[in-house]
Amino acid sequence: MTLPLRQPSVHLYAGNQTAEELLAEQELAEQQGAESTQESTLLALQQSYATLISGVGEDLTRPGLVDTPIRAAKALSFLTKGYAQTLEDVTNGAIFPSNNHEMVMVKGIEFFSMCEHHLLPFMGHTHVAYLPEGKVLGLSKMARIVDMYARRLQIQENLTQEIAQAVMDATGARGVAVVMDAQHMCMMMRGVQKQDSSTRSVAMIGQFTTDNQARNEFLRALPASRF
């Protein structure tokens, strides 16, 4: 009778290293790889800004402009750092069981973003509400969700919808409503040059689209636009 061959067991160890040491090495390698990518991106942005400054006829050796390309590159990296974040990153497990079924609302979340059409800023305030379904989200996490999506190249209409969908995905809520009030530099500094203009955008998901009572409760709770 031929016995089946036993497969050799696989050990996730190298030499005398423990699993914890191997994991630490892997995390270090990933961190170094991310830092290398970040440095390459920063260098590319710096070179691009140097080209732009030269393109408008300025002298890059002028004292006031010598360090401008790297400063601008770092600024743009910060303003677009949302690309490197995920919903899991920003919520960080802060989702808790709850028997509350009434509307939860966070008002007046300040934000700034960059218009994807002209690369000019728009900024304002966001108001977020949801109807819990057995879970609630840490209050600060709603602000972090707003920041993550705002710190990308955006248009306000899409940004509003993305925030609403992210809160829905994170909480499994019965409904989510988001209102954003913003001023756009692309309307104020160029083009029509309307310095007092502002834009309100609305996104509603789930029960807020069908339940007039919930919808009206949210709309009545909104503060007046600050613009």
C-alpha atoms as a PDB file:
ATOM      1  CA  MET A   1       0.000   0.000   0.000  1.00  0.00           C
ATOM      2  CA  THR A   2       1.362   3.360  -1.020  1.00  0.00           C
ATOM      3  CA  LEU A   3       0.918   6.090   1.553  1.00  0.00           C
ATOM      4  CA  PRO A   4       0.220   9.628   0.343  1.00  0.00           C
ATOM      5  CA  LEU A   5       3.186  11.914   0.489  1.00  0.00           C
ATOM      6  CA  ARG A   6       3.129  14.480   3.265  1.00  0.00           C
ATOM      7  CA  GLN A   7       3.653  18.037   2.140  1.00  0.00           C
ATOM      8  CA  PRO A   8       6.443  19.786   4.023  1.00  0.00           C
ATOM      9  CA  SER A   9       5.166  22.400   6.451  1.00  0.00           C
ATOM     10  CA  VAL A  10       5.891  26.003   5.546  1.00  0.00           C
ATOM     11  CA  HIS A  11       7.547  28.173   8.182  1.00  0.00           C
ATOM     12  CA  LEU A  12       7.381  31.935   7.823  1.00  0.00           C
ATOM     13  CA  TYR A  13      10.757  32.458   9.447  1.00  0.00           C
ATOM     14  CA  ALA A  14      14.195  33.306   8.107  1.00  0.00           C
ATOM     15  CA  GLY A  15      17.085  32.068  10.186  1.00  0.00           C
ATOM     16  CA  ASN A  16      16.495  32.988  13.790  1.00  0.00           C
ATOM     17  CA  GLN A  17      14.054  35.817  13.022  1.00  0.00           C
ATOM     18  CA  THR A  18      10.693  35.810  14.730  1.00  0.00           C
ATOM     19  CA  ALA A  19       7.441  36.549  12.946  1.00  0.00           C
ATOM     20  CA  GLU A  20       7.338  39.927  14.697  1.00  0.00           C
ATOM     21  CA  GLU A  21      10.794  40.822  13.394  1.00  0.00           C
ATOM     22  CA  LEU A  22       9.857  39.815   9.859  1.00  0.00           C
ATOM     23  CA  LEU A  23       6.696  41.902  10.067  1.00  0.00           C
ATOM     24  CA  ALA A  24       8.692  44.889  11.311  1.00  0.00           C
ATOM     25  CA  GLU A  25      11.123  44.496   8.388  1.00  0.00           C
ATOM     26  CA  GLN A  26       8.242  44.349   5.929  1.00  0.00           C
ATOM     27  CA  GLU A  27       6.637  47.476   7.392  1.00  0.00           C
ATOM     28  CA  LEU A  28       9.983  49.301   7.231  1.00  0.00           C
ATOM     29  CA  ALA A  29      10.444  48.314   3.584  1.00  0.00           C
ATOM     30  CA  GLU A  30       6.925  49.524   2.744  1.00  0.00           C
ATOM     31  CA  GLN A  31       7.560  52.806   4.544  1.00  0.00           C
ATOM     32  CA  GLN A  32      10.850  53.328   2.714  1.00  0.00           C
ATOM     33  CA  GLY A  33       9.140  52.572  -0.597  1.00  0.00           C
ATOM     34  CA  ALA A  34       6.392  55.096   0.150  1.00  0.00           C
ATOM     35  CA  GLU A  35       8.968  57.726   1.117  1.00  0.00           C
ATOM     36  CA  SER A  36      10.900  57.112  -2.104  1.00  0.00           C
ATOM     37  CA  THR A  37       7.717  57.525  -4.159  1.00  0.00           C
ATOM     38  CA  GLN A  38       6.852  60.698  -2.272  1.00  0.00           C
ATOM     39  CA  GLU A  39      10.312  62.143  -2.933  1.00  0.00           C
ATOM     40  CA  SER A  40      10.034  61.344  -6.647  1.00  0.00           C
ATOM     41  CA  THR A  41       6.610  62.985  -6.823  1.00  0.00           C
ATOM     42  CA  LEU A  42       7.855  66.064  -4.991  1.00  0.00           C
ATOM     43  CA  LEU A  43      10.802  66.392  -7.375  1.00  0.00           C
ATOM     44  CA  ALA A  44       8.510  66.130 -10.415  1.00  0.00           C
ATOM     45  CA  LEU A  45       6.205  68.800  -8.985  1.00  0.00           C
ATOM     46  CA  GLN A  46       9.163  71.045  -8.193  1.00  0.00           C
ATOM     47  CA  GLN A  47      10.422  70.798 -11.774  1.00  0.00           C
ATOM     48  CA  SER A  48       6.930  71.516 -13.107  1.00  0.00           C
ATOM     49  CA  TYR A  49       6.579  74.633 -10.973  1.00  0.00           C
ATOM     50  CA  ALA A  50       9.994  75.836 -12.158  1.00  0.00           C
ATOM     51  CA  THR A  51       8.768  75.464 -15.743  1.00  0.00           C
ATOM     52  CA  LEU A  52       5.570  77.384 -14.971  1.00  0.00           C
ATOM     53  CA  ILE A  53       7.433  80.242 -13.306  1.00  0.00           C
ATOM     54  CA  SER A  54       9.862  80.482 -16.203  1.00  0.00           C
ATOM     55  CA  GLY A  55       6.901  80.308 -18.579  1.00  0.00           C
ATOM     56  CA  VAL A  56       5.420  83.566 -17.290  1.00  0.00           C
ATOM     57  CA  GLY A  57       8.741  85.294 -17.899  1.00  0.00           C
ATOM     58  CA  GLU A  58      10.113  85.311 -14.358  1.00  0.00           C
ATOM     59  CA  ASP A  59      13.716  84.773 -13.309  1.00  0.00           C
ATOM     60  CA  LEU A  60      14.082  81.659 -11.144  1.00  0.00           C
ATOM     61  CA  THR A  61      17.342  82.987  -9.736  1.00  0.00           C
ATOM     62  CA  ARG A  62      15.627  86.044  -8.273  1.00  0.00           C
ATOM     63  CA  PRO A  63      15.915  85.881  -4.455  1.00  0.00           C
ATOM     64  CA  GLY A  64      12.158  85.831  -3.912  1.00  0.00           C
ATOM     65  CA  LEU A  65      11.709  82.892  -6.295  1.00  0.00           C
ATOM     66  CA  VAL A  66      14.731  80.680  -5.612  1.00  0.00           C
ATOM     67  CA  ASP A  67      12.824  78.415  -3.224  1.00  0.00           C
ATOM     68  CA  THR A  68       9.358  78.914  -4.688  1.00  0.00           C
ATOM     69  CA  PRO A  69       9.269  75.690  -6.773  1.00  0.00           C
ATOM     70  CA  ILE A  70       9.917  73.445  -3.764  1.00  0.00           C
ATOM     71  CA  ARG A  71       7.568  75.461  -1.533  1.00  0.00           C
ATOM     72  CA  ALA A  72       4.795  75.260  -4.112  1.00  0.00           C
ATOM     73  CA  ALA A  73       5.423  71.537  -4.634  1.00  0.00           C
ATOM     74  CA  LYS A  74       5.074  70.880  -0.904  1.00  0.00           C
ATOM     75  CA  ALA A  75       1.930  73.003  -0.760  1.00  0.00           C
ATOM     76  CA  LEU A  76       0.290  71.104  -3.621  1.00  0.00           C
ATOM     77  CA  SER A  77       1.287  67.787  -2.036  1.00  0.00           C
ATOM     78  CA  PHE A  78      -0.525  68.830   1.132  1.00  0.00           C
ATOM     79  CA  LEU A  79      -3.564  70.126  -0.751  1.00  0.00           C
ATOM     80  CA  THR A  80      -3.914  66.792  -2.573  1.00  0.00           C
ATOM     81  CA  LYS A  81      -2.925  64.362   0.171  1.00  0.00           C
ATOM     82  CA  GLY A  82      -6.409  62.845   0.062  1.00  0.00           C
ATOM     83  CA  TYR A  83      -5.275  60.656  -2.831  1.00  0.00           C
ATOM     84  CA  ALA A  84      -3.060  58.714  -0.419  1.00  0.00           C
ATOM     85  CA  GLN A  85      -5.890  58.083   2.066  1.00  0.00           C
ATOM     86  CA  THR A  86      -8.713  55.553   2.197  1.00  0.00           C
ATOM     87  CA  LEU A  87     -12.021  55.497   4.042  1.00  0.00           C
ATOM     88  CA  GLU A  88     -10.608  52.816   6.347  1.00  0.00           C
ATOM     89  CA  ASP A  89      -7.619  55.050   7.120  1.00  0.00           C
ATOM     90  CA  VAL A  90      -9.646  58.052   8.185  1.00  0.00           C
ATOM     91  CA  THR A  91     -12.390  56.243  10.111  1.00  0.00           C
ATOM     92  CA  ASN A  92      -9.756  54.126  11.891  1.00  0.00           C
ATOM     93  CA  GLY A  93     -12.283  51.710  13.358  1.00  0.00           C
ATOM     94  CA  ALA A  94     -14.270  54.463  15.126  1.00  0.00           C
ATOM     95  CA  ILE A  95     -17.649  52.899  14.348  1.00  0.00           C
ATOM     96  CA  PHE A  96     -19.659  51.948  17.424  1.00  0.00           C
ATOM     97  CA  PRO A  97     -22.863  50.001  18.121  1.00  0.00           C
ATOM     98  CA  SER A  98     -25.803  52.211  19.061  1.00  0.00           C
ATOM     99  CA  ASN A  99     -29.551  51.955  19.608  1.00  0.00           C
ATOM    100  CA  ASN A 100     -30.044  55.548  18.482  1.00  0.00           C
ATOM    101  CA  HIS A 101     -32.213  55.842  15.385  1.00  0.00           C
ATOM    102  CA  GLU A 102     -32.590  59.627  15.344  1.00  0.00           C
ATOM    103  CA  MET A 103     -30.702  61.919  12.978  1.00  0.00           C
ATOM    104  CA  VAL A 104     -27.064  62.673  13.783  1.00  0.00           C
ATOM    105  CA  MET A 105     -25.786  65.922  12.288  1.00  0.00           C
ATOM    106  CA  VAL A 106     -22.436  67.714  12.273  1.00  0.00           C
ATOM    107  CA  LYS A 107     -22.670  71.297  11.028  1.00  0.00           C
ATOM    108  CA  GLY A 108     -20.143  73.865   9.893  1.00  0.00           C
ATOM    109  CA  ILE A 109     -17.227  71.599   8.933  1.00  0.00           C
ATOM    110  CA  GLU A 110     -14.713  73.933   7.286  1.00  0.00           C
ATOM    111  CA  PHE A 111     -13.057  72.656   4.119  1.00  0.00           C
ATOM    112  CA  PHE A 112     -10.873  73.774   1.257  1.00  0.00           C
ATOM    113  CA  SER A 113     -10.325  72.068  -2.059  1.00  0.00           C
ATOM    114  CA  MET A 114      -8.826  72.636  -5.500  1.00  0.00           C
ATOM    115  CA  CYS A 115     -10.966  73.133  -8.591  1.00  0.00           C
ATOM    116  CA  GLU A 116     -10.030  70.480 -11.143  1.00  0.00           C
ATOM    117  CA  HIS A 117     -10.732  72.862 -14.028  1.00  0.00           C
ATOM    118  CA  HIS A 118      -8.458  75.785 -13.136  1.00  0.00           C
ATOM    119  CA  LEU A 119      -6.417  74.514 -10.160  1.00  0.00           C
ATOM    120  CA  LEU A 120      -7.761  77.384  -8.082  1.00  0.00           C
ATOM    121  CA  PRO A 121      -9.091  76.957  -4.543  1.00  0.00           C
ATOM    122  CA  PHE A 122     -12.677  76.764  -3.403  1.00  0.00           C
ATOM    123  CA  MET A 123     -13.582  76.691   0.261  1.00  0.00           C
ATOM    124  CA  GLY A 124     -16.528  76.807   2.600  1.00  0.00           C
ATOM    125  CA  HIS A 125     -18.552  74.761   5.060  1.00  0.00           C
ATOM    126  CA  THR A 126     -20.072  71.288   4.988  1.00  0.00           C
ATOM    127  CA  HIS A 127     -23.088  70.006   6.919  1.00  0.00           C
ATOM    128  CA  VAL A 128     -23.443  66.214   7.212  1.00  0.00           C
ATOM    129  CA  ALA A 129     -26.328  64.194   8.666  1.00  0.00           C
ATOM    130  CA  TYR A 130     -27.208  60.518   8.745  1.00  0.00           C
ATOM    131  CA  LEU A 131     -29.934  58.237  10.109  1.00  0.00           C
ATOM    132  CA  PRO A 132     -28.189  55.482  12.111  1.00  0.00           C
ATOM    133  CA  GLU A 133     -28.979  51.816  11.632  1.00  0.00           C
ATOM    134  CA  GLY A 134     -27.371  50.112  14.633  1.00  0.00           C
ATOM    135  CA  LYS A 135     -24.027  51.921  14.293  1.00  0.00           C
ATOM    136  CA  VAL A 136     -22.691  55.430  14.783  1.00  0.00           C
ATOM    137  CA  LEU A 137     -19.509  57.040  13.510  1.00  0.00           C
ATOM    138  CA  GLY A 138     -17.083  58.949  15.724  1.00  0.00           C
ATOM    139  CA  LEU A 139     -17.994  62.607  15.262  1.00  0.00           C
ATOM    140  CA  SER A 140     -14.499  63.720  14.264  1.00  0.00           C
ATOM    141  CA  LYS A 141     -14.458  61.076  11.541  1.00  0.00           C
ATOM    142  CA  MET A 142     -17.083  62.931   9.535  1.00  0.00           C
ATOM    143  CA  ALA A 143     -14.735  65.917   9.411  1.00  0.00           C
ATOM    144  CA  ARG A 144     -11.891  63.608   8.385  1.00  0.00           C
ATOM    145  CA  ILE A 145     -14.010  62.141   5.592  1.00  0.00           C
ATOM    146  CA  VAL A 146     -14.748  65.658   4.331  1.00  0.00           C
ATOM    147  CA  ASP A 147     -11.037  66.514   4.395  1.00  0.00           C
ATOM    148  CA  MET A 148      -9.987  63.320   2.604  1.00  0.00           C
ATOM    149  CA  TYR A 149     -12.217  63.949  -0.410  1.00  0.00           C
ATOM    150  CA  ALA A 150     -11.705  67.727  -0.383  1.00  0.00           C
ATOM    151  CA  ARG A 151      -7.929  67.315  -0.584  1.00  0.00           C
ATOM    152  CA  ARG A 152      -8.105  66.088  -4.152  1.00  0.00           C
ATOM    153  CA  LEU A 153      -8.741  67.852  -7.451  1.00  0.00           C
ATOM    154  CA  GLN A 154     -12.507  68.258  -7.382  1.00  0.00           C
ATOM    155  CA  ILE A 155     -15.686  69.946  -8.436  1.00  0.00           C
ATOM    156  CA  GLN A 156     -18.083  70.791  -5.633  1.00  0.00           C
ATOM    157  CA  GLU A 157     -20.958  68.736  -7.018  1.00  0.00           C
ATOM    158  CA  ASN A 158     -18.928  65.517  -7.062  1.00  0.00           C
ATOM    159  CA  LEU A 159     -17.312  66.262  -3.712  1.00  0.00           C
ATOM    160  CA  THR A 160     -20.727  66.532  -2.051  1.00  0.00           C
ATOM    161  CA  GLN A 161     -21.824  63.182  -3.471  1.00  0.00           C
ATOM    162  CA  GLU A 162     -18.564  61.427  -2.556  1.00  0.00           C
ATOM    163  CA  ILE A 163     -18.822  62.530   1.075  1.00  0.00           C
ATOM    164  CA  ALA A 164     -22.417  61.306   1.313  1.00  0.00           C
ATOM    165  CA  GLN A 165     -21.567  57.923  -0.188  1.00  0.00           C
ATOM    166  CA  ALA A 166     -18.537  57.511   2.088  1.00  0.00           C
ATOM    167  CA  VAL A 167     -20.611  58.144   5.229  1.00  0.00           C
ATOM    168  CA  MET A 168     -23.183  55.650   3.949  1.00  0.00           C
ATOM    169  CA  ASP A 169     -20.475  53.052   3.256  1.00  0.00           C
ATOM    170  CA  ALA A 170     -18.872  53.559   6.669  1.00  0.00           C
ATOM    171  CA  THR A 171     -22.051  53.425   8.742  1.00  0.00           C
ATOM    172  CA  GLY A 172     -24.619  51.420   6.783  1.00  0.00           C
ATOM    173  CA  ALA A 173     -27.023  54.233   7.668  1.00  0.00           C
ATOM    174  CA  ARG A 174     -30.658  54.358   6.550  1.00  0.00           C
ATOM    175  CA  GLY A 175     -29.902  57.644   4.854  1.00  0.00           C
ATOM    176  CA  VAL A 176     -27.250  60.357   4.492  1.00  0.00           C
ATOM    177  CA  ALA A 177     -27.606  64.041   3.618  1.00  0.00           C
ATOM    178  CA  VAL A 178     -24.821  66.513   2.825  1.00  0.00           C
ATOM    179  CA  VAL A 179     -24.955  70.228   2.023  1.00  0.00           C
ATOM    180  CA  MET A 180     -21.896  72.250   1.020  1.00  0.00           C
ATOM    181  CA  ASP A 181     -21.660  76.049   0.786  1.00  0.00           C
ATOM    182  CA  ALA A 182     -18.535  77.322  -0.949  1.00  0.00           C
ATOM    183  CA  GLN A 183     -16.873  80.234  -2.679  1.00  0.00           C
ATOM    184  CA  HIS A 184     -14.859  79.514  -5.806  1.00  0.00           C
ATOM    185  CA  MET A 185     -11.764  81.482  -6.710  1.00  0.00           C
ATOM    186  CA  CYS A 186     -12.274  80.513 -10.354  1.00  0.00           C
ATOM    187  CA  MET A 187     -15.454  82.638 -10.295  1.00  0.00           C
ATOM    188  CA  MET A 188     -14.014  85.404  -8.115  1.00  0.00           C
ATOM    189  CA  MET A 189     -10.480  85.933  -9.490  1.00  0.00           C
ATOM    190  CA  ARG A 190     -11.026  85.273 -13.189  1.00  0.00           C
ATOM    191  CA  GLY A 191     -13.795  84.772 -15.728  1.00  0.00           C
ATOM    192  CA  VAL A 192     -16.979  86.449 -14.503  1.00  0.00           C
ATOM    193  CA  GLN A 193     -15.142  87.876 -11.441  1.00  0.00           C
ATOM    194  CA  LYS A 194     -18.160  87.798  -9.110  1.00  0.00           C
ATOM    195  CA  GLN A 195     -16.597  88.291  -5.688  1.00  0.00           C
ATOM    196  CA  ASP A 196     -19.839  87.862  -3.725  1.00  0.00           C
ATOM    197  CA  SER A 197     -20.979  84.668  -5.436  1.00  0.00           C
ATOM    198  CA  SER A 198     -21.322  81.388  -3.563  1.00  0.00           C
ATOM    199  CA  THR A 199     -22.500  77.902  -4.467  1.00  0.00           C
ATOM    200  CA  ARG A 200     -24.668  75.464  -2.515  1.00  0.00           C
ATOM    201  CA  SER A 201     -24.701  71.778  -3.470  1.00  0.00           C
ATOM    202  CA  VAL A 202     -26.834  69.006  -1.963  1.00  0.00           C
ATOM    203  CA  ALA A 203     -26.523  65.214  -1.924  1.00  0.00           C
ATOM    204  CA  MET A 204     -29.086  62.902  -0.350  1.00  0.00           C
ATOM    205  CA  ILE A 205     -29.011  59.115  -0.209  1.00  0.00           C
ATOM    206  CA  GLY A 206     -31.426  56.493   1.083  1.00  0.00           C
ATOM    207  CA  GLN A 207     -34.279  57.509   3.381  1.00  0.00           C
ATOM    208  CA  PHE A 208     -33.616  61.221   2.909  1.00  0.00           C
ATOM    209  CA  THR A 209     -34.770  60.849  -0.709  1.00  0.00           C
ATOM    210  CA  THR A 210     -38.121  59.262   0.210  1.00  0.00           C
ATOM    211  CA  ASP A 211     -38.962  60.463   3.740  1.00  0.00           C
ATOM    212  CA  ASN A 212     -40.161  64.069   3.589  1.00  0.00           C
ATOM    213  CA  GLN A 213     -40.178  64.384   7.384  1.00  0.00           C
ATOM    214  CA  ALA A 214     -36.503  63.380   7.679  1.00  0.00           C
ATOM    215  CA  ARG A 215     -35.567  65.551   4.722  1.00  0.00           C
ATOM    216  CA  ASN A 216     -37.360  68.600   6.141  1.00  0.00           C
ATOM    217  CA  GLU A 217     -35.852  68.038   9.595  1.00  0.00           C
ATOM    218  CA  PHE A 218     -32.400  68.148   8.022  1.00  0.00           C
ATOM    219  CA  LEU A 219     -33.114  71.209   5.895  1.00  0.00           C
ATOM    220  CA  ARG A 220     -34.619  73.131   8.833  1.00  0.00           C
ATOM    221  CA  ALA A 221     -31.544  72.379  10.951  1.00  0.00           C
ATOM    222  CA  LEU A 222     -29.171  73.901   8.396  1.00  0.00           C
ATOM    223  CA  PRO A 223     -27.548  77.178   9.409  1.00  0.00           C
ATOM    224  CA  ALA A 224     -27.711  80.121   7.055  1.00  0.00           C
ATOM    225  CA  SER A 225     -24.870  80.308   4.572  1.00  0.00           C
ATOM    226  CA  ARG A 226     -21.950  82.320   5.927  1.00  0.00           C
ATOM    227  CA  PHE A 227     -21.314  83.914   2.555  1.00  0.00           C
END
